[in-house]
Amino acid sequence: MESLLEDNEQKQPETIDEEYALWKKNSESMYDFVSETKLGWPSMVVEWLPTPDQNLERQELLVGTLTDVNEQKPNVDNRNYLKFCKIDYPSGEKQALKVFKKIEHEGEINKLKINSFDCNIIATINEKSEVNIFDRKKGFLSKLSGVHNEDEGFGLSFSKLESNVLLSAASDGKRVLWDISRMSKIIEDDTHTASVNCIEFSSLKKNLFASVSDDKTLILSDTRESTESFKSVQSLAYNSVLNAVSFSPFSENLLACGGEDSLVALYDIRYFKSSQPLHLMAGHEDNITNIQWADYQDGILVSSGEDRKLIYWDINKIGNEQTPDDAEDGVPEKIFVHGGHRSIINDFSLHPSIPWLTVSTEEENYTQIYQPTEKITNPDWIKEISLYDLEN
């Protein structure tokens, strides 16, 4: 079968602009849906809003602005906002992302998360590690501060199994558990000795969470142990700085992490003491900054990094035999690479109810929304094509 990129004999791109032009030229064959919008300011974060009915034409998401507060130009609004955006999907008539609501935000928005139990409740953390809680309908609700030092904060996670419970983490090394129903702190600790880059609750174990840090450790902790600090369930020393961690929503013992070594590491948390990953997945060429498991299919994992690439992995394909041509494209578990960005990918989000629909945002002002073609995401697609289809 011919490559979907259809560029095997073409001259390889030498610049970022040439690479983007080649991607755009071939995008129709690689995606069932693709959209690109230039926003007024860059965004560090992006998150899909849950949709009551996935058959609705309108899909919604959140972005957070990263403005230049020192820029003073006529008619330029350099305040930061939490912005609600919409896009028509899968209609091809209005593919531009439109802002339909915004809430002013104090400081830069480094990370945002939506409450799994109430999608109207949104948490953010800014460059001073201040956690802000918003209600989509009511606006700003409360600021959770006075715990972290005034350093950058990038760690934020709502519990998926318990309402009103939120974790935050920051450059001061502290990890904090909050009760947002009371807008108060429950526990804090400073187990990490350097900046905490990511923190996440388990999808399947109520009290378990993981955090990764500049101190090159991945720590599993339990929220139940005491009011003084978290119980350290397991601690793993890694060989490089770690930036991202994510628990599988299908297997309670499986997690993935990534960082400055550009590898995605898979771990079984029952065997942390060996410090050996189950598997290392190679595909990125620079720091990995974000990782997320898909909710729609067991084994699908997505990662992005400073190499401007977003990679879809299928861990069920680990160890599959490959033809020499396939092997040149990478390991068998690397099923698709989104290469449409021209600068570092800041964040991405997988749609909670529409399989494979992805949004990602970059250092420049561009936000892209795309869905890889079924030819890639469904390996059995060729079996579903009838002889009549091939002949007509």
Protein backbone atom coordinates (compact mmCIF):
# COMPACT_ATOMS: atom_id res chain seq x y z
CA MET A 1 0.00 0.00 0.00
CA GLU A 2 1.29 3.46 -0.86
CA SER A 3 2.22 5.75 2.00
CA LEU A 4 -0.54 8.10 3.08
CA LEU A 5 1.99 10.89 2.93
CA GLU A 6 2.74 10.01 -0.70
CA ASP A 7 6.09 11.75 -0.44
CA ASN A 8 8.52 8.82 -0.45
CA GLU A 9 10.23 10.16 -3.56
CA GLN A 10 9.90 13.83 -2.70
CA LYS A 11 12.75 15.93 -1.46
CA GLN A 12 12.72 15.97 2.33
CA PRO A 13 11.86 19.38 3.85
CA GLU A 14 14.83 21.33 5.17
CA THR A 15 13.09 24.12 7.08
CA ILE A 16 10.13 24.31 9.44
CA ASP A 17 8.13 26.23 6.83
CA GLU A 18 8.86 23.58 4.19
CA GLU A 19 7.85 20.86 6.62
CA TYR A 20 4.60 22.68 7.38
CA ALA A 21 3.88 23.17 3.66
CA LEU A 22 4.35 19.44 3.04
CA TRP A 23 2.10 18.59 5.99
CA LYS A 24 -0.62 20.94 4.75
CA LYS A 25 -0.38 19.53 1.23
CA ASN A 26 -0.94 15.99 2.48
CA SER A 27 -3.38 16.76 5.29
CA GLU A 28 -6.48 15.72 3.33
CA SER A 29 -5.18 12.16 3.06
CA MET A 30 -4.06 11.99 6.70
CA TYR A 31 -7.09 13.40 8.54
CA ASP A 32 -10.85 13.03 8.56
CA PHE A 33 -11.03 16.50 10.10
CA VAL A 34 -8.43 19.26 10.42
CA SER A 35 -8.69 22.91 11.43
CA GLU A 36 -6.19 25.62 12.29
CA THR A 37 -6.94 28.94 14.00
CA LYS A 38 -4.62 31.82 14.85
CA LEU A 39 -5.63 33.33 18.18
CA GLY A 40 -4.82 36.82 19.41
CA TRP A 41 -2.34 35.54 22.00
CA PRO A 42 -0.51 32.24 22.57
CA SER A 43 -2.03 29.74 24.98
CA MET A 44 -0.14 27.52 27.41
CA VAL A 45 -3.19 25.33 27.95
CA VAL A 46 -6.13 23.78 26.15
CA GLU A 47 -8.89 21.46 27.35
CA TRP A 48 -12.03 20.08 25.73
CA LEU A 49 -15.29 20.76 27.52
CA PRO A 50 -17.49 17.66 27.88
CA THR A 51 -20.30 17.53 25.33
CA PRO A 52 -23.69 16.16 26.42
CA ASP A 53 -24.26 14.67 22.97
CA GLN A 54 -21.33 13.76 20.74
CA ASN A 55 -23.62 14.05 17.71
CA LEU A 56 -23.99 17.79 18.26
CA GLU A 57 -22.39 19.93 15.57
CA ARG A 58 -20.93 22.33 18.14
CA GLN A 59 -17.96 21.27 20.26
CA GLU A 60 -16.47 23.48 22.97
CA LEU A 61 -13.07 23.88 24.57
CA LEU A 62 -11.07 26.15 26.88
CA VAL A 63 -7.84 28.02 26.27
CA GLY A 64 -5.93 30.35 28.56
CA THR A 65 -4.06 33.38 27.26
CA LEU A 66 -0.38 34.15 27.73
CA THR A 67 -0.16 37.88 27.08
CA ASP A 68 2.67 40.38 27.18
CA VAL A 69 1.63 42.57 30.10
CA ASN A 70 4.34 45.09 29.22
CA GLU A 71 3.04 45.64 25.70
CA GLN A 72 1.15 48.92 25.54
CA LYS A 73 -0.41 49.39 22.12
CA PRO A 74 -3.65 51.06 21.07
CA ASN A 75 -6.57 48.66 20.83
CA VAL A 76 -4.48 45.78 22.24
CA ASP A 77 -6.00 44.05 25.26
CA ASN A 78 -3.08 42.50 27.14
CA ARG A 79 -5.10 41.22 30.08
CA ASN A 80 -5.20 37.44 30.56
CA TYR A 81 -8.42 35.52 30.07
CA LEU A 82 -9.91 32.10 30.43
CA LYS A 83 -11.56 31.76 27.01
CA PHE A 84 -14.45 29.52 26.01
CA CYS A 85 -14.26 28.53 22.34
CA LYS A 86 -16.49 26.63 19.94
CA ILE A 87 -16.02 24.86 16.64
CA ASP A 88 -18.43 23.23 14.22
CA TYR A 89 -17.65 19.52 13.99
CA PRO A 90 -17.81 17.56 11.76
CA SER A 91 -19.27 20.24 9.49
CA GLY A 92 -16.74 21.60 7.03
CA GLU A 93 -18.47 24.94 6.61
CA LYS A 94 -17.19 26.79 9.69
CA GLN A 95 -13.91 25.28 10.78
CA ALA A 96 -12.47 28.33 12.51
CA LEU A 97 -12.33 28.27 16.30
CA LYS A 98 -14.50 31.05 17.74
CA VAL A 99 -14.33 32.62 21.22
CA PHE A 100 -17.87 32.98 22.60
CA LYS A 101 -17.17 33.79 26.26
CA LYS A 102 -14.21 34.93 28.36
CA ILE A 103 -13.46 35.44 32.04
CA GLU A 104 -10.64 37.74 33.11
CA HIS A 105 -7.82 35.90 34.87
CA GLU A 106 -5.18 37.23 37.24
CA GLY A 107 -1.78 36.24 35.88
CA GLU A 108 -0.70 33.75 33.25
CA ILE A 109 -2.61 30.49 32.96
CA ASN A 110 -0.02 27.73 33.23
CA LYS A 111 -2.45 24.85 33.62
CA LEU A 112 -6.21 24.37 33.74
CA LYS A 113 -8.39 21.41 34.67
CA ILE A 114 -12.14 20.75 34.58
CA ASN A 115 -13.91 19.05 37.47
CA SER A 116 -14.93 15.52 36.44
CA PHE A 117 -18.10 15.74 38.55
CA ASP A 118 -19.20 19.22 37.48
CA CYS A 119 -17.92 20.52 34.16
CA ASN A 120 -18.90 24.07 35.16
CA ILE A 121 -16.12 24.10 37.78
CA ILE A 122 -12.67 24.95 36.44
CA ALA A 123 -9.33 25.22 38.23
CA THR A 124 -6.25 27.09 37.02
CA ILE A 125 -2.75 27.71 38.36
CA ASN A 126 -0.65 30.74 37.45
CA GLU A 127 2.98 31.90 37.45
CA LYS A 128 2.75 32.66 41.19
CA SER A 129 1.39 29.17 41.96
CA GLU A 130 -1.98 30.67 42.88
CA VAL A 131 -4.84 28.26 42.28
CA ASN A 132 -8.01 29.95 41.02
CA ILE A 133 -11.44 28.33 40.97
CA PHE A 134 -14.05 29.43 38.43
CA ASP A 135 -17.65 28.60 37.69
CA ARG A 136 -18.54 28.74 34.01
CA LYS A 137 -21.83 30.49 34.78
CA LYS A 138 -20.84 32.61 37.79
CA GLY A 139 -17.24 33.49 36.90
CA PHE A 140 -14.45 33.72 39.49
CA LEU A 141 -15.21 31.92 42.77
CA SER A 142 -12.07 31.84 44.90
CA LYS A 143 -8.29 31.99 45.05
CA LEU A 144 -6.39 29.22 46.87
CA SER A 145 -3.08 30.74 47.93
CA GLY A 146 -0.69 31.13 50.85
CA VAL A 147 0.81 27.65 50.57
CA HIS A 148 3.08 27.58 47.55
CA ASN A 149 5.92 30.08 47.32
CA GLU A 150 5.46 32.65 44.58
CA ASP A 151 7.04 30.42 41.95
CA GLU A 152 5.70 28.95 38.72
CA GLY A 153 2.98 26.35 39.14
CA PHE A 154 2.33 23.68 36.52
CA GLY A 155 0.80 20.76 38.44
CA LEU A 156 -2.99 20.46 38.70
CA SER A 157 -5.35 17.47 38.88
CA PHE A 158 -8.97 16.95 39.88
CA SER A 159 -9.84 13.58 41.40
CA LYS A 160 -11.76 11.44 38.93
CA LEU A 161 -13.34 9.41 41.73
CA GLU A 162 -14.11 11.95 44.47
CA SER A 163 -15.86 15.27 43.99
CA ASN A 164 -14.33 18.58 45.05
CA VAL A 165 -10.81 17.20 45.58
CA LEU A 166 -7.94 18.94 43.78
CA LEU A 167 -4.15 18.53 43.75
CA SER A 168 -1.68 21.30 42.92
CA ALA A 169 2.10 21.31 42.59
CA ALA A 170 4.70 23.95 41.83
CA SER A 171 8.34 24.92 41.37
CA ASP A 172 8.81 25.12 45.15
CA GLY A 173 8.56 21.31 45.28
CA LYS A 174 5.33 21.34 47.29
CA ARG A 175 2.30 19.17 46.60
CA VAL A 176 -1.02 20.34 48.02
CA LEU A 177 -4.41 18.63 48.39
CA TRP A 178 -7.40 21.01 48.40
CA ASP A 179 -11.08 20.68 49.28
CA ILE A 180 -12.74 23.09 46.86
CA SER A 181 -16.14 22.73 48.52
CA ARG A 182 -14.60 24.58 51.48
CA MET A 183 -11.89 26.32 49.45
CA SER A 184 -9.31 25.11 51.96
CA LYS A 185 -6.11 23.08 52.19
CA ILE A 186 -6.25 19.48 53.41
CA ILE A 187 -2.60 18.37 53.22
CA GLU A 188 0.68 19.72 51.90
CA ASP A 189 4.16 18.27 51.72
CA ASP A 190 7.58 18.89 50.19
CA THR A 191 8.76 15.35 49.45
CA HIS A 192 10.26 16.45 46.13
CA THR A 193 13.54 18.34 46.32
CA ALA A 194 13.00 20.32 43.11
CA SER A 195 10.24 21.67 40.90
CA VAL A 196 7.19 19.42 40.49
CA ASN A 197 6.29 19.46 36.81
CA CYS A 198 3.17 17.29 36.77
CA ILE A 199 0.79 15.71 39.27
CA GLU A 200 -2.11 13.38 38.52
CA PHE A 201 -4.72 11.32 40.33
CA SER A 202 -5.20 7.68 39.38
CA SER A 203 -8.29 7.04 37.27
CA LEU A 204 -9.07 3.79 39.10
CA LYS A 205 -7.64 4.02 42.64
CA LYS A 206 -9.37 6.72 44.66
CA ASN A 207 -6.52 7.85 46.91
CA LEU A 208 -3.51 7.23 44.68
CA PHE A 209 -1.67 9.94 42.78
CA ALA A 210 1.67 10.38 41.03
CA SER A 211 4.03 13.31 40.67
CA VAL A 212 7.20 13.87 38.62
CA SER A 213 9.92 16.40 39.15
CA ASP A 214 13.15 18.10 38.15
CA ASP A 215 14.72 15.96 40.89
CA LYS A 216 14.43 13.00 38.47
CA THR A 217 11.94 11.07 40.58
CA LEU A 218 8.47 9.68 40.06
CA ILE A 219 6.63 9.39 43.38
CA LEU A 220 3.42 7.50 44.08
CA SER A 221 1.54 8.81 47.09
CA ASP A 222 -1.62 8.13 49.08
CA THR A 223 -3.90 10.93 50.29
CA ARG A 224 -5.21 9.00 53.33
CA GLU A 225 -2.15 8.65 55.54
CA SER A 226 -2.14 11.74 57.75
CA THR A 227 -2.87 15.43 57.98
CA GLU A 228 0.85 16.23 58.07
CA SER A 229 2.05 14.82 54.76
CA PHE A 230 1.24 12.29 52.06
CA LYS A 231 2.23 8.68 52.45
CA SER A 232 4.90 7.81 49.89
CA VAL A 233 3.74 4.50 48.44
CA GLN A 234 6.67 4.10 46.06
CA SER A 235 9.48 6.30 44.78
CA LEU A 236 11.30 5.72 41.53
CA ALA A 237 14.61 7.28 40.50
CA TYR A 238 14.74 8.00 36.77
CA ASN A 239 17.72 8.87 34.59
CA SER A 240 16.52 12.31 33.52
CA VAL A 241 14.17 15.13 34.46
CA LEU A 242 10.53 14.07 34.13
CA ASN A 243 7.88 16.48 32.84
CA ALA A 244 4.68 14.44 32.50
CA VAL A 245 2.90 11.44 34.01
CA SER A 246 -0.45 9.78 33.27
CA PHE A 247 -2.37 6.78 34.65
CA SER A 248 -4.10 4.35 32.32
CA PRO A 249 -7.92 4.59 32.59
CA PHE A 250 -8.16 0.85 31.82
CA SER A 251 -5.41 -0.77 33.92
CA GLU A 252 -5.00 0.37 37.54
CA ASN A 253 -1.32 -0.60 37.67
CA LEU A 254 -0.17 0.98 34.41
CA LEU A 255 1.22 4.48 34.03
CA ALA A 256 3.35 6.37 31.53
CA CYS A 257 5.84 9.18 32.01
CA GLY A 258 8.14 11.25 29.83
CA GLY A 259 10.77 13.93 30.09
CA GLU A 260 14.09 15.23 28.88
CA ASP A 261 15.37 11.89 27.53
CA SER A 262 12.63 12.06 24.83
CA LEU A 263 11.40 8.54 25.68
CA VAL A 264 7.94 7.47 26.81
CA ALA A 265 8.39 5.06 29.73
CA LEU A 266 5.72 2.54 30.71
CA TYR A 267 5.62 1.22 34.28
CA ASP A 268 3.72 -1.38 36.25
CA ILE A 269 3.42 0.26 39.67
CA ARG A 270 3.54 -3.15 41.37
CA TYR A 271 7.18 -3.48 40.33
CA PHE A 272 8.51 0.00 41.03
CA LYS A 273 11.29 -1.31 43.27
CA SER A 274 13.14 -2.73 40.27
CA SER A 275 13.25 0.80 38.75
CA GLN A 276 13.01 -0.85 35.35
CA PRO A 277 10.25 0.25 32.97
CA LEU A 278 8.09 -2.31 31.25
CA HIS A 279 8.98 -0.68 27.97
CA LEU A 280 10.55 2.47 26.51
CA MET A 281 9.01 4.00 23.39
CA ALA A 282 11.25 6.03 21.09
CA GLY A 283 9.87 8.53 18.62
CA HIS A 284 10.36 12.06 19.92
CA GLU A 285 13.51 14.04 19.16
CA ASP A 286 13.37 16.47 22.10
CA ASN A 287 11.86 16.93 25.56
CA ILE A 288 8.47 15.31 26.13
CA THR A 289 6.20 17.79 27.89
CA ASN A 290 2.71 16.22 27.89
CA ILE A 291 1.25 12.70 28.04
CA GLN A 292 -2.37 11.52 28.06
CA TRP A 293 -4.04 8.12 27.82
CA ALA A 294 -7.15 7.88 25.66
CA ASP A 295 -10.45 7.06 27.36
CA TYR A 296 -11.96 5.61 24.19
CA GLN A 297 -9.65 2.64 23.54
CA ASP A 298 -7.46 0.54 25.80
CA GLY A 299 -3.77 0.97 25.03
CA ILE A 300 -3.89 4.27 23.14
CA LEU A 301 -1.48 6.87 24.50
CA VAL A 302 -0.62 10.31 23.14
CA SER A 303 2.48 12.41 23.83
CA SER A 304 3.79 15.78 22.69
CA GLY A 305 7.05 17.63 23.04
CA GLU A 306 9.44 20.36 22.14
CA ASP A 307 10.16 18.68 18.79
CA ARG A 308 6.81 20.13 17.60
CA LYS A 309 5.38 16.62 17.22
CA LEU A 310 2.37 14.89 18.74
CA ILE A 311 2.58 11.09 18.62
CA TYR A 312 -0.23 8.56 18.93
CA TRP A 313 0.93 5.21 20.37
CA ASP A 314 -0.81 1.84 20.59
CA ILE A 315 0.94 -0.24 23.23
CA ASN A 316 -0.93 -3.34 22.03
CA LYS A 317 1.37 -3.26 19.00
CA ILE A 318 4.59 -3.47 21.02
CA GLY A 319 6.70 -6.29 19.59
CA ASN A 320 4.70 -6.68 16.38
CA GLU A 321 6.67 -7.83 13.36
CA GLN A 322 7.43 -5.13 10.78
CA THR A 323 8.47 -5.02 7.17
CA PRO A 324 11.79 -3.24 6.51
CA ASP A 325 9.86 -0.26 5.09
CA ASP A 326 7.64 -0.03 8.16
CA ALA A 327 10.65 -0.29 10.47
CA GLU A 328 12.15 2.80 8.84
CA ASP A 329 9.13 4.78 10.09
CA GLY A 330 9.75 3.77 13.71
CA VAL A 331 8.65 1.23 16.27
CA PRO A 332 5.37 -0.67 15.59
CA GLU A 333 3.56 0.98 18.51
CA LYS A 334 4.04 4.44 16.96
CA ILE A 335 0.90 4.59 14.83
CA PHE A 336 0.67 8.25 13.79
CA VAL A 337 2.65 11.48 14.08
CA HIS A 338 0.90 14.85 13.89
CA GLY A 339 3.46 17.20 12.38
CA GLY A 340 1.44 20.34 11.70
CA HIS A 341 2.93 22.66 14.31
CA ARG A 342 5.67 25.18 13.53
CA SER A 343 6.68 25.82 17.14
CA ILE A 344 6.82 23.91 20.43
CA ILE A 345 3.52 22.29 21.43
CA ASN A 346 2.44 23.76 24.76
CA ASP A 347 -0.50 21.48 25.48
CA PHE A 348 -3.02 19.11 23.93
CA SER A 349 -6.32 17.49 24.88
CA LEU A 350 -8.15 14.38 23.68
CA HIS A 351 -11.89 14.80 23.29
CA PRO A 352 -13.70 12.99 26.13
CA SER A 353 -16.40 11.45 23.93
CA ILE A 354 -15.31 11.67 20.27
CA PRO A 355 -12.54 9.13 19.59
CA TRP A 356 -9.30 10.51 18.14
CA LEU A 357 -10.49 14.13 18.01
CA THR A 358 -7.56 16.15 19.34
CA VAL A 359 -6.78 19.80 20.00
CA SER A 360 -3.27 21.15 20.49
CA THR A 361 -1.80 24.60 20.97
CA GLU A 362 1.71 25.90 20.32
CA GLU A 363 4.11 28.65 21.40
CA GLU A 364 3.02 30.77 18.49
CA ASN A 365 -0.64 31.76 18.40
CA TYR A 366 -1.93 28.70 16.55
CA THR A 367 -4.40 26.13 17.82
CA GLN A 368 -5.06 23.05 15.72
CA ILE A 369 -7.95 20.58 15.88
CA TYR A 370 -7.70 17.30 14.00
CA GLN A 371 -8.84 13.70 13.76
CA PRO A 372 -6.54 11.19 12.05
CA THR A 373 -8.12 9.28 9.19
CA GLU A 374 -9.78 5.95 9.88
CA LYS A 375 -7.19 4.40 7.56
CA ILE A 376 -4.77 4.95 10.43
CA THR A 377 -6.91 4.61 13.53
CA ASN A 378 -8.81 1.51 12.38
CA PRO A 379 -6.36 -1.15 11.11
CA ASP A 380 -9.27 -3.24 9.82
CA TRP A 381 -10.66 -0.48 7.60
CA ILE A 382 -9.50 -2.20 4.39
CA LYS A 383 -11.54 -5.31 5.35
CA GLU A 384 -14.67 -3.20 5.51
CA ILE A 385 -14.37 -1.96 1.91
CA SER A 386 -16.44 -4.03 -0.52
CA LEU A 387 -15.35 -5.04 -4.00
CA TYR A 388 -18.07 -2.73 -5.31
CA ASP A 389 -16.47 0.22 -3.48
CA LEU A 390 -13.09 -0.54 -5.03
CA GLU A 391 -14.52 -0.76 -8.52
CA ASN A 392 -16.62 2.41 -8.36
